Amino acid sequence: MSSEFAPLLDAARRRYEAAAALLAASLARLAVNSESYRDLLANAAKWGLIGDVEQWFRMRDLRNRIVHDYLPEKLAEIYILIVGEYAPELLGLRDRLSGR
């Protein structure tokens, strides 16, 4: 069962990384300097690009766990967390950046 989630988690990790890069690039276009990840998120929240700064920290921590720790017994749990809790925030960022 856990092996079926591995490609999904890899895709989720890549999408999170793309979202974080897109967030940084969007703020750079607004001439907002962010010296740290915390500054980046605070500025993104200030500009209304993200809703929950702490949730973005949790997403980054989860991304790091996926990349650095192969946790086959946790793959289903991690996937459910991504789909249930984090996907709406990431999709919201996409919608706000695209003007939807």
Protein backbone atom coordinates (compact mmCIF):
# COMPACT_ATOMS: atom_id res chain seq x y z
CA MET A 1 0.00 0.00 0.00
CA SER A 2 2.70 2.50 0.90
CA SER A 3 4.46 2.21 -2.45
CA GLU A 4 1.34 3.44 -4.26
CA PHE A 5 1.61 6.76 -2.39
CA ALA A 6 5.30 7.36 -3.17
CA PRO A 7 4.71 8.93 -6.63
CA LEU A 8 1.89 11.05 -5.20
CA LEU A 9 4.11 12.35 -2.42
CA ASP A 10 6.90 13.12 -4.86
CA ALA A 11 4.43 15.08 -6.98
CA ALA A 12 3.16 16.91 -3.88
CA ARG A 13 6.73 17.79 -2.88
CA ARG A 14 7.47 19.17 -6.34
CA ARG A 15 4.27 21.21 -6.33
CA TYR A 16 5.01 22.65 -2.90
CA GLU A 17 8.51 23.63 -4.06
CA ALA A 18 7.03 25.24 -7.17
CA ALA A 19 4.46 27.10 -5.05
CA ALA A 20 7.14 28.42 -2.70
CA ALA A 21 9.26 29.57 -5.67
CA LEU A 22 6.22 31.18 -7.29
CA LEU A 23 5.42 32.97 -4.04
CA ALA A 24 8.97 34.35 -3.81
CA ALA A 25 8.94 35.43 -7.47
CA SER A 26 5.55 37.11 -7.07
CA LEU A 27 6.74 39.08 -4.07
CA ALA A 28 9.93 40.05 -5.92
CA ARG A 29 7.77 41.50 -8.72
CA LEU A 30 6.01 43.56 -6.06
CA ALA A 31 9.45 44.82 -4.95
CA VAL A 32 9.06 43.16 -1.56
CA ASN A 33 12.36 41.98 -0.11
CA SER A 34 12.24 38.89 2.06
CA GLU A 35 15.46 37.97 3.80
CA SER A 36 14.17 34.79 5.41
CA TYR A 37 11.42 32.27 4.88
CA ARG A 38 9.54 33.83 7.80
CA ASP A 39 9.81 37.27 6.13
CA LEU A 40 8.66 35.79 2.84
CA LEU A 41 5.56 34.32 4.47
CA ALA A 42 4.82 37.44 6.51
CA ASN A 43 5.01 39.56 3.36
CA ALA A 44 2.87 37.08 1.43
CA ALA A 45 0.22 37.24 4.16
CA LYS A 46 0.41 41.04 4.23
CA TRP A 47 -0.20 41.15 0.46
CA GLY A 48 -3.07 38.69 0.80
CA LEU A 49 -1.35 35.91 -1.14
CA ILE A 50 -1.54 33.32 1.63
CA GLY A 51 -3.93 32.83 4.47
CA ASP A 52 -2.03 31.05 7.23
CA VAL A 53 1.69 31.63 7.82
CA GLU A 54 1.99 28.79 10.33
CA GLN A 55 0.38 26.38 7.88
CA TRP A 56 3.11 27.21 5.37
CA PHE A 57 5.72 26.36 7.99
CA ARG A 58 3.95 23.05 8.58
CA MET A 59 3.93 22.41 4.82
CA ARG A 60 7.66 23.13 4.63
CA ASP A 61 8.33 20.80 7.55
CA LEU A 62 6.31 18.07 5.88
CA ARG A 63 8.15 18.64 2.60
CA ASN A 64 11.45 18.26 4.45
CA ARG A 65 10.24 15.02 6.02
CA ILE A 66 9.27 13.67 2.61
CA VAL A 67 12.63 14.60 1.08
CA HIS A 68 14.96 13.66 3.93
CA ASP A 69 13.17 10.79 5.66
CA TYR A 70 11.66 7.97 3.73
CA LEU A 71 8.75 7.00 5.94
CA PRO A 72 6.94 4.19 4.12
CA GLU A 73 4.66 3.46 7.06
CA LYS A 74 3.50 7.09 7.06
CA LEU A 75 2.90 7.61 3.34
CA ALA A 76 -0.89 7.22 3.48
CA GLU A 77 -1.11 9.51 6.51
CA ILE A 78 1.08 12.16 4.86
CA TYR A 79 -0.89 12.00 1.61
CA ILE A 80 -4.19 12.47 3.45
CA LEU A 81 -2.72 15.47 5.30
CA ILE A 82 -1.58 17.06 2.04
CA VAL A 83 -4.88 16.51 0.25
CA GLY A 84 -7.10 17.39 3.19
CA GLU A 85 -5.32 20.27 4.88
CA TYR A 86 -2.71 21.74 2.55
CA ALA A 87 -4.22 21.48 -0.92
CA PRO A 88 -6.83 24.21 -0.30
CA GLU A 89 -4.12 26.70 0.73
CA LEU A 90 -1.96 25.86 -2.28
CA LEU A 91 -4.92 26.07 -4.65
CA GLY A 92 -5.91 29.37 -3.04
CA LEU A 93 -2.44 30.76 -3.76
CA ARG A 94 -2.76 29.63 -7.37
CA ASP A 95 -6.15 31.31 -7.67
CA ARG A 96 -5.01 34.57 -6.06
CA LEU A 97 -1.93 34.77 -8.29
CA SER A 98 -3.94 34.05 -11.43
CA GLY A 99 -6.67 36.54 -10.48
CA ARG A 100 -9.42 33.94 -10.17
